[in-house]
Protein backbone atom coordinates (compact mmCIF):
# COMPACT_ATOMS: atom_id res chain seq x y z
CA MET A 1 17.63 -1.93 -8.26
CA LYS A 2 19.65 -2.17 -11.45
CA ILE A 3 16.92 -3.48 -13.78
CA ARG A 4 14.43 -0.85 -12.68
CA SER A 5 17.09 1.83 -13.07
CA ILE A 6 17.68 0.80 -16.71
CA TRP A 7 13.97 0.70 -17.30
CA LEU A 8 13.46 4.19 -15.92
CA ARG A 9 16.30 5.51 -18.15
CA ILE A 10 14.43 4.06 -21.13
CA ALA A 11 11.29 5.81 -19.93
CA ALA A 12 13.21 9.08 -19.63
CA LEU A 13 14.61 8.75 -23.19
CA ALA A 14 11.10 8.05 -24.44
CA ALA A 15 9.96 11.25 -22.77
CA VAL A 16 12.66 13.28 -24.58
CA ALA A 17 11.73 11.74 -27.93
CA ALA A 18 8.06 12.46 -27.37
CA ALA A 19 8.79 16.06 -26.43
CA LEU A 20 10.90 16.62 -29.60
CA GLY A 21 8.10 15.15 -31.72
CA ILE A 22 5.63 17.65 -30.36
CA VAL A 23 8.00 20.55 -31.02
CA LEU A 24 8.41 19.54 -34.68
CA ALA A 25 4.67 19.13 -35.14
CA ALA A 26 3.67 22.39 -33.49
CA CYS A 27 4.59 24.94 -36.18
CA GLY A 28 4.59 28.45 -34.81
CA SER A 29 3.93 27.31 -31.28
CA ASP A 30 6.10 27.88 -28.25
CA PRO A 31 9.28 25.86 -28.98
CA THR A 32 9.96 25.08 -25.32
CA PRO A 33 9.44 21.30 -24.84
CA THR A 34 7.38 20.18 -21.86
CA PRO A 35 7.47 16.76 -20.13
CA GLN A 36 4.95 14.42 -21.74
CA PRO A 37 2.72 11.95 -19.96
CA THR A 38 3.83 9.32 -22.48
CA ALA A 39 6.97 8.95 -20.38
CA THR A 40 4.92 6.64 -18.23
CA PRO A 41 6.17 3.11 -18.93
CA THR A 42 4.04 0.99 -21.23
CA ALA A 43 1.88 -1.68 -19.70
CA MET A 44 2.80 -5.30 -19.34
CA SER A 45 1.15 -8.50 -18.30
CA ALA A 46 2.00 -9.94 -14.88
CA PRO A 47 3.68 -13.35 -15.03
CA ALA A 48 1.79 -16.29 -13.56
CA GLN A 49 4.31 -16.57 -10.73
CA PRO A 50 6.15 -13.24 -10.44
CA THR A 51 9.58 -13.34 -8.87
CA PRO A 52 10.00 -11.17 -5.77
CA THR A 53 13.71 -10.71 -6.28
CA SER A 54 13.79 -8.21 -9.13
CA PRO A 55 11.39 -6.58 -11.57
CA PRO A 56 10.86 -8.46 -14.81
CA ALA A 57 12.31 -6.87 -17.92
CA MET A 58 10.00 -4.53 -19.80
CA GLU A 59 9.99 -3.98 -23.54
CA PRO A 60 9.62 -0.26 -24.22
CA THR A 61 7.53 -0.98 -27.31
CA ALA A 62 5.15 -3.44 -25.66
CA THR A 63 1.49 -3.03 -26.57
CA PRO A 64 -0.36 -1.35 -23.68
CA ARG A 65 -3.04 -3.31 -21.85
CA SER A 66 -5.55 -0.50 -22.36
CA ALA A 67 -5.98 1.68 -25.44
CA ALA A 68 -3.10 4.15 -25.67
CA PRO A 69 -3.52 7.80 -26.71
CA THR A 70 -3.21 8.40 -30.44
CA ALA A 71 -0.26 10.26 -31.92
CA THR A 72 -2.37 13.43 -32.12
CA PRO A 73 -2.54 15.07 -28.66
CA THR A 74 -5.97 14.67 -27.10
CA PRO A 75 -7.73 17.35 -25.03
CA ALA A 76 -6.73 15.44 -21.88
CA ILE A 77 -3.05 15.63 -22.82
CA SER A 78 -3.35 19.32 -23.71
CA GLU A 79 -4.92 19.91 -20.31
CA TYR A 80 -2.10 17.92 -18.74
CA GLU A 81 0.51 20.14 -20.41
CA LYS A 82 -1.20 23.29 -19.19
CA THR A 83 -1.45 21.83 -15.70
CA LEU A 84 2.20 20.81 -15.74
CA ALA A 85 3.27 24.35 -16.65
CA ALA A 86 1.16 25.76 -13.82
CA ALA A 87 2.53 23.10 -11.45
CA MET A 88 6.08 24.20 -12.25
CA GLU A 89 5.05 27.71 -11.28
CA GLU A 90 3.67 26.46 -7.95
CA GLY A 91 6.78 24.38 -7.46
CA VAL A 92 5.59 22.30 -4.51
CA VAL A 93 3.04 19.73 -3.36
CA SER A 94 2.45 19.18 0.38
CA ILE A 95 1.59 15.73 1.75
CA ILE A 96 0.78 14.41 5.21
CA GLY A 97 1.12 10.67 5.32
CA HIS A 98 2.60 7.46 6.64
CA GLU A 99 5.89 7.68 8.54
CA SER A 100 7.51 4.83 6.58
CA GLU A 101 10.83 5.87 5.04
CA LEU A 102 10.18 3.46 2.17
CA ARG A 103 6.96 5.27 1.33
CA ARG A 104 8.59 8.65 1.68
CA ALA A 105 11.35 7.61 -0.73
CA ILE A 106 8.78 6.65 -3.36
CA LEU A 107 6.22 9.41 -2.92
CA LYS A 108 8.76 12.19 -2.50
CA ASP A 109 12.20 11.25 -3.84
CA GLU A 110 11.10 9.29 -6.90
CA PHE A 111 8.60 11.96 -7.89
CA GLU A 112 11.19 14.72 -7.54
CA LYS A 113 13.53 12.77 -9.82
CA ARG A 114 10.76 12.47 -12.39
CA PHE A 115 9.63 16.11 -12.04
CA PRO A 116 12.67 18.08 -10.84
CA GLY A 117 10.78 21.37 -10.97
CA ILE A 118 8.28 20.29 -8.29
CA ARG A 119 9.33 19.75 -4.68
CA VAL A 120 7.41 17.43 -2.33
CA GLU A 121 6.98 18.50 1.27
CA TYR A 122 6.27 15.20 2.99
CA LEU A 123 5.26 15.06 6.66
CA GLY A 124 5.24 11.43 7.82
CA LEU A 125 3.61 10.75 11.17
CA PRO A 126 2.44 7.73 13.21
CA GLY A 127 -1.30 7.10 13.13
CA GLY A 128 -2.41 8.71 16.38
CA GLU A 129 -0.22 11.77 15.95
CA ALA A 130 -1.40 12.25 12.38
CA ASP A 131 -5.05 11.92 13.42
CA ALA A 132 -4.69 14.59 16.09
CA ARG A 133 -2.88 16.94 13.74
CA CYS A 134 -5.39 16.56 10.92
CA GLU A 135 -8.33 17.26 13.19
CA SER A 136 -6.81 20.20 15.08
CA GLU A 137 -5.47 21.95 11.98
CA TRP A 138 -8.70 21.45 10.08
CA ASP A 139 -10.76 22.86 12.97
CA ALA A 140 -8.39 25.83 13.23
CA GLY A 141 -8.67 26.58 9.51
CA ALA A 142 -4.95 25.92 9.12
CA PHE A 143 -5.05 22.74 7.04
CA ASN A 144 -2.43 23.43 4.37
CA TYR A 145 -1.83 19.96 2.90
CA ASP A 146 -2.55 19.12 -0.71
CA VAL A 147 -2.80 15.37 -0.17
CA VAL A 148 -3.57 13.07 2.74
CA MET A 149 -1.87 9.73 2.21
CA ALA A 150 -2.63 6.60 4.29
CA ARG A 151 -3.37 8.52 7.48
CA CYS A 152 -6.30 10.29 9.23
CA THR A 153 -8.82 7.79 7.86
CA ASP A 154 -11.75 8.49 10.21
CA PHE A 155 -11.17 12.23 9.84
CA LEU A 156 -11.33 11.87 6.06
CA PHE A 157 -14.55 9.87 6.22
CA GLU A 158 -16.07 12.65 8.32
CA ILE A 159 -15.05 15.58 6.13
CA ALA A 160 -16.03 13.64 2.99
CA ASP A 161 -19.58 13.58 4.34
CA GLU A 162 -19.34 17.35 4.84
CA GLY A 163 -18.06 18.13 1.33
CA GLY A 164 -14.47 18.62 2.47
CA LEU A 165 -12.78 16.43 -0.16
CA GLN A 166 -12.41 16.71 -3.92
CA PRO A 167 -13.55 13.89 -6.22
CA ILE A 168 -10.47 11.96 -7.28
CA SER A 169 -11.75 11.81 -10.86
CA ASP A 170 -11.59 15.63 -11.05
CA ASN A 171 -7.83 15.40 -10.57
CA VAL A 172 -7.11 12.67 -13.11
CA LEU A 173 -5.99 14.04 -16.48
CA LEU A 174 -4.42 11.03 -18.16
CA PRO A 175 -5.92 7.84 -19.61
CA ASN A 176 -5.19 4.39 -18.21
CA ILE A 177 -5.71 5.34 -14.59
CA LEU A 178 -9.33 5.01 -13.53
CA GLU A 179 -10.52 2.37 -15.98
CA GLU A 180 -12.46 -0.47 -14.37
CA GLU A 181 -10.28 -3.30 -15.64
CA LEU A 182 -7.04 -1.76 -14.37
CA TRP A 183 -7.74 -2.35 -10.69
CA VAL A 184 -7.91 -5.63 -8.77
CA GLY A 185 -11.41 -6.17 -7.45
CA GLY A 186 -12.80 -3.62 -9.88
CA PHE A 187 -13.07 0.13 -10.02
CA ASP A 188 -15.72 0.41 -7.28
CA GLU A 189 -13.47 -1.37 -4.80
CA SER A 190 -10.84 1.34 -5.27
CA TYR A 191 -12.77 3.81 -3.13
CA LEU A 192 -12.93 3.52 0.63
CA ASP A 193 -15.59 6.16 1.29
CA THR A 194 -19.30 5.42 1.05
CA GLN A 195 -19.69 7.99 -1.73
CA ASP A 196 -17.16 6.12 -3.91
CA GLU A 197 -15.57 9.40 -4.96
CA TYR A 198 -13.01 10.79 -2.57
CA ILE A 199 -10.61 8.29 -0.95
CA PHE A 200 -8.85 6.16 -3.54
CA SER A 201 -6.90 3.06 -2.49
CA PHE A 202 -4.19 1.93 -4.89
CA GLY A 203 -2.72 -0.86 -2.74
CA ALA A 204 -3.76 -4.52 -2.66
CA PHE A 205 -3.08 -6.94 0.13
CA SER A 206 -3.18 -10.56 1.14
CA LEU A 207 -3.07 -10.80 4.93
CA SER A 208 -2.62 -14.15 6.67
CA ILE A 209 -3.48 -14.64 10.32
CA THR A 210 -0.25 -16.52 11.07
CA TRP A 211 2.98 -17.63 9.45
CA GLN A 212 4.45 -21.01 10.34
CA ARG A 213 7.61 -23.06 10.24
CA THR A 214 6.45 -25.87 8.00
CA ASP A 215 9.43 -28.06 8.90
CA LEU A 216 8.25 -27.97 12.53
CA LEU A 217 4.49 -27.73 11.94
CA PRO A 218 3.14 -29.09 8.63
CA GLN A 219 0.51 -27.01 6.88
CA ASP A 220 -2.17 -29.70 7.15
CA GLU A 221 -1.92 -30.00 10.94
CA ILE A 222 -4.11 -26.92 11.48
CA THR A 223 -7.33 -26.78 9.49
CA MET A 224 -9.29 -24.04 11.29
CA ILE A 225 -8.61 -20.90 13.27
CA GLU A 226 -10.01 -22.31 16.54
CA GLN A 227 -7.17 -24.86 16.65
CA LEU A 228 -4.75 -22.06 17.45
CA LEU A 229 -6.23 -22.12 20.96
CA ASP A 230 -4.98 -25.67 21.52
CA PRO A 231 -2.63 -25.58 24.53
CA LYS A 232 -0.12 -27.84 22.74
CA TYR A 233 0.98 -24.81 20.72
CA GLY A 234 1.38 -22.70 23.88
CA PRO A 235 4.69 -20.79 23.80
CA LYS A 236 5.34 -22.10 20.28
CA LEU A 237 3.00 -19.33 19.14
CA GLY A 238 4.61 -15.88 19.13
CA PHE A 239 3.11 -12.40 18.74
CA ALA A 240 4.63 -9.07 17.90
CA ASP A 241 2.99 -6.91 20.56
CA PRO A 242 -0.53 -6.04 19.27
CA ARG A 243 -0.61 -3.03 21.60
CA THR A 244 2.05 -1.28 19.56
CA ASP A 245 2.58 -3.29 16.36
CA PHE A 246 0.16 -2.31 13.60
CA LEU A 247 0.41 -5.57 11.67
CA ALA A 248 0.05 -7.70 14.78
CA ASN A 249 -3.04 -5.73 15.78
CA TYR A 250 -4.61 -6.53 12.42
CA GLN A 251 -3.72 -10.21 12.56
CA ALA A 252 -4.81 -10.59 16.18
CA ALA A 253 -8.15 -9.16 15.04
CA PHE A 254 -8.68 -12.42 13.09
CA ILE A 255 -8.61 -14.27 16.39
CA TYR A 256 -10.73 -11.66 18.16
CA GLU A 257 -13.41 -11.82 15.45
CA ASN A 258 -13.63 -15.62 15.71
CA ALA A 259 -12.96 -16.27 19.41
CA GLY A 260 -13.49 -12.91 21.15
CA GLU A 261 -11.61 -11.67 24.18
CA GLU A 262 -11.92 -15.09 25.84
CA GLY A 263 -9.96 -16.61 22.98
CA LEU A 264 -7.18 -14.09 23.47
CA ARG A 265 -7.19 -14.81 27.22
CA THR A 266 -6.81 -18.50 26.47
CA LEU A 267 -3.77 -17.79 24.31
CA PHE A 268 -1.96 -15.48 26.70
CA GLU A 269 -3.17 -16.47 30.18
CA ASP A 270 -3.64 -20.20 29.81
CA ASN A 271 -1.36 -21.23 26.96
CA GLY A 272 1.50 -18.80 27.49
CA ALA A 273 1.79 -17.45 23.96
CA ARG A 274 4.95 -15.33 23.73
CA ILE A 275 5.05 -11.57 23.20
CA PHE A 276 7.88 -9.86 21.30
CA GLY A 277 8.58 -6.15 21.27
CA ASP A 278 8.25 -5.87 17.51
CA GLY A 279 8.13 -7.82 14.28
CA ALA A 280 11.91 -7.69 13.85
CA GLN A 281 12.46 -9.61 17.10
CA LEU A 282 9.72 -12.06 16.16
CA ILE A 283 11.09 -12.96 12.75
CA ASP A 284 14.66 -13.15 14.04
CA THR A 285 13.64 -15.68 16.69
CA MET A 286 11.59 -17.71 14.26
CA VAL A 287 14.39 -17.92 11.71
CA ARG A 288 17.39 -18.39 14.00
CA THR A 289 15.86 -20.80 16.55
CA ASP A 290 13.33 -23.64 16.62
CA ASP A 291 11.41 -22.04 19.50
CA LEU A 292 8.49 -20.74 17.42
CA TRP A 293 6.20 -22.71 15.14
CA LEU A 294 3.63 -19.98 14.52
CA ALA A 295 3.83 -16.19 14.43
CA VAL A 296 1.26 -13.36 14.53
CA GLY A 297 2.48 -10.00 13.30
CA PHE A 298 5.11 -11.64 11.12
CA PRO A 299 6.79 -9.05 8.82
CA ASP A 300 6.97 -11.29 5.77
CA HIS A 301 8.52 -8.56 3.60
CA ARG A 302 11.71 -9.05 5.65
CA LEU A 303 11.87 -12.76 5.02
CA LYS A 304 13.84 -12.45 1.81
CA SER A 305 16.80 -10.84 3.57
CA PHE A 306 17.14 -13.96 5.75
CA GLN A 307 16.84 -16.17 2.68
CA ASP A 308 19.53 -14.15 0.92
CA ALA A 309 21.75 -14.69 3.97
CA GLY A 310 21.37 -18.43 3.40
CA LEU A 311 19.49 -19.22 6.63
CA GLU A 312 17.80 -22.55 5.93
CA ALA A 313 14.83 -22.04 8.25
CA ALA A 314 13.83 -18.94 6.28
CA PHE A 315 12.92 -21.19 3.35
CA ASN A 316 10.55 -23.21 5.55
CA ILE A 317 8.33 -20.31 6.65
CA GLU A 318 5.00 -19.95 4.88
CA ALA A 319 1.69 -18.21 5.41
CA THR A 320 -0.93 -20.46 6.98
CA LYS A 321 -3.43 -21.89 4.52
CA PHE A 322 -6.26 -23.26 6.65
CA GLU A 323 -9.87 -22.13 6.19
CA ASN A 324 -10.44 -18.42 6.91
CA ALA A 325 -6.71 -17.99 7.46
CA CYS A 326 -6.36 -15.18 4.93
CA TRP A 327 -8.13 -11.94 4.08
CA MET A 328 -7.60 -9.99 0.90
CA GLY A 329 -8.72 -6.59 -0.29
CA ARG A 330 -7.44 -3.04 -0.62
CA THR A 331 -4.91 -1.45 1.72
CA ASN A 332 -4.72 1.88 3.47
CA GLY A 333 -2.31 2.94 0.72
CA PHE A 334 -4.81 5.60 -0.30
CA VAL A 335 -4.89 9.20 -1.42
CA ALA A 336 -7.38 11.98 -0.68
CA ILE A 337 -7.37 15.66 -1.68
CA PRO A 338 -9.00 18.31 0.54
CA VAL A 339 -10.98 21.13 -1.01
CA GLY A 340 -9.11 24.42 -1.36
CA ASN A 341 -5.70 22.75 -1.33
CA PRO A 342 -2.89 25.31 -1.78
CA HIS A 343 -1.17 23.79 -4.84
CA PRO A 344 -3.91 22.33 -7.04
CA ASN A 345 -1.87 21.97 -10.23
CA ALA A 346 1.16 20.33 -8.62
CA THR A 347 -1.28 18.04 -6.80
CA LYS A 348 -2.79 16.89 -10.09
CA ILE A 349 0.62 16.15 -11.59
CA TRP A 350 1.61 14.18 -8.48
CA MET A 351 -1.73 12.34 -8.44
CA ASN A 352 -1.51 11.32 -12.10
CA TRP A 353 2.04 10.09 -11.56
CA VAL A 354 1.38 8.13 -8.37
CA LEU A 355 -1.64 6.31 -9.82
CA GLY A 356 0.10 5.59 -13.13
CA GLU A 357 1.96 2.45 -14.07
CA GLU A 358 5.46 3.88 -13.56
CA ALA A 359 4.97 4.88 -9.93
CA GLN A 360 2.89 1.81 -9.10
CA TYR A 361 5.64 -0.38 -10.49
CA ILE A 362 8.13 1.30 -8.14
CA TRP A 363 5.64 1.07 -5.27
CA SER A 364 5.12 -2.65 -5.81
CA TYR A 365 8.84 -3.48 -5.76
CA ASP A 366 10.16 -0.96 -3.25
CA SER A 367 7.44 -0.65 -0.59
CA GLY A 368 6.80 -4.35 0.07
CA GLU A 369 3.11 -3.73 -0.65
CA ALA A 370 1.49 -4.87 -3.87
CA SER A 371 -0.07 -2.38 -6.24
CA ALA A 372 -3.75 -2.92 -6.98
CA ARG A 373 -3.13 -2.19 -10.64
CA ALA A 374 -3.73 -5.37 -12.61
CA ASP A 375 -0.95 -4.50 -15.07
CA VAL A 376 1.72 -4.20 -12.36
CA PRO A 377 3.17 -7.44 -10.92
CA PRO A 378 3.72 -7.76 -7.15
CA GLY A 379 7.27 -7.20 -5.97
CA THR A 380 6.76 -9.52 -2.99
CA SER A 381 5.13 -12.86 -3.81
CA GLY A 382 2.39 -13.75 -1.38
CA ARG A 383 1.35 -10.12 -0.93
CA PHE A 384 -0.93 -10.11 -3.98
CA PRO A 385 -4.56 -11.21 -3.42
CA ASP A 386 -5.13 -14.84 -4.39
CA PRO A 387 -8.84 -15.74 -4.47
CA THR A 388 -7.98 -19.45 -4.25
CA GLN A 389 -6.38 -18.90 -0.83
CA CYS A 390 -8.11 -15.87 0.68
CA ASN A 391 -11.55 -14.42 1.36
CA TRP A 392 -12.33 -10.95 0.03
CA ARG A 393 -12.62 -8.66 3.04
CA ASN A 394 -12.21 -5.07 1.97
CA PHE A 395 -12.14 -3.92 5.57
CA GLN A 396 -10.47 -0.57 4.93
CA THR A 397 -13.77 0.86 3.70
CA GLU A 398 -15.86 3.34 5.67
CA GLU A 399 -18.73 0.87 5.65
CA PHE A 400 -16.70 -1.91 7.29
CA GLN A 401 -15.56 0.34 10.18
CA VAL A 402 -12.45 -1.72 10.86
CA SER A 403 -11.12 0.49 13.67
CA THR A 404 -14.38 0.56 15.62
CA ARG A 405 -15.36 -3.00 14.84
CA LEU A 406 -12.07 -4.85 15.16
CA LEU A 407 -8.79 -2.99 15.65
CA ASN A 408 -9.64 -0.88 18.69
CA PRO A 409 -11.50 -3.67 20.54
CA THR A 410 -8.66 -6.10 19.81
CA ARG A 411 -5.99 -3.68 21.03
CA ASP A 412 -8.05 -2.85 24.15
CA ALA A 413 -8.60 -6.53 24.97
CA VAL A 414 -4.92 -7.40 24.53
CA THR A 415 -3.94 -4.41 26.67
CA ARG A 416 -6.19 -5.53 29.52
CA ILE A 417 -4.88 -9.08 29.38
CA LEU A 418 -1.17 -8.32 29.06
CA ASP A 419 -1.20 -5.47 31.58
CA ALA A 420 -2.80 -7.81 34.11
CA LEU A 421 -0.06 -10.35 33.39
CA GLY A 422 2.61 -7.67 33.83
CA SER A 423 3.80 -8.15 30.25
């Protein structure tokens, strides 16, 4: 992304200038310059309607949203410098997390560019495999990860209750990270654990139950979720397979919560709703044919590529807007740090970077998932929570119990129904 690349070069030059300033001011001190936290890009205000195509330009001298550190180094910055030096000695931070290559590129590659002296060992695994690995290695006393990222949620809730996680605030050294006003929904909504200390979510989401071809099915034709069960929609309603597709499982849970297993049976057994192997097949069919009016498990972050290709139908696909059609809250884009992690200093440097504005800006534009930082605009319009369209349902929290309450029962019900149909 050319604009972001220019912006990051500006940030890098700012870092060099800041480092030289400290050397000149520190008479008799060690002349070796160290990377400064002021390299983090200055804050900006999100536009009313941010464009998803490219990041807006940033003025390097813009006034930060929150109070910036003074020219004189504060104790927090001094502690940061000491930690950075120790992190360079450790030379590595180990992460177990989501298998997405987009996430890996941000959390590993971008960090290594920013801090070339610290290597990131990133193990990305699917949910079930990650869960089994976390539990078995923890029980065997062989848990050697510094950070758990967006995986092993139930395991983390359990060990948090047993004192197995570090408070996130103990690992934050820089200002403008944990302030209340910086995070959508407020500071308290940033934590997923009941203690509000250990599992910090930095992602925000807006999740619609279905997406629809508005040229074939006007928005005002459906006004409530129960109307999806109308047989007239039948095979015009398509699903990415909720048994294997994570997003489809979540969106099918909307229907399960409102209509139960009988509602799902109506859709698949009686109405003949169509099942696609994955979201890619679903969106391709919806864009290239007129066979689908509605889609569950629709990967909206891929829609832009069809629009860029000039496919007219891609401009007629929107998230449904009927009552209770949208949930919003925090995502499973979270971080947690186990006690006794092997590289504590490198972990702190990584943590302060990933929760800061620079990394969250990259996350928002490159991952397809909005940052929950209020000073970072969403890279994909429609992904950012809109209280005028959605209900706040922070269902990633330990208290909500989304897996036990919704995801697992939905997946089990769909499995029973589709297996019986031979699908």
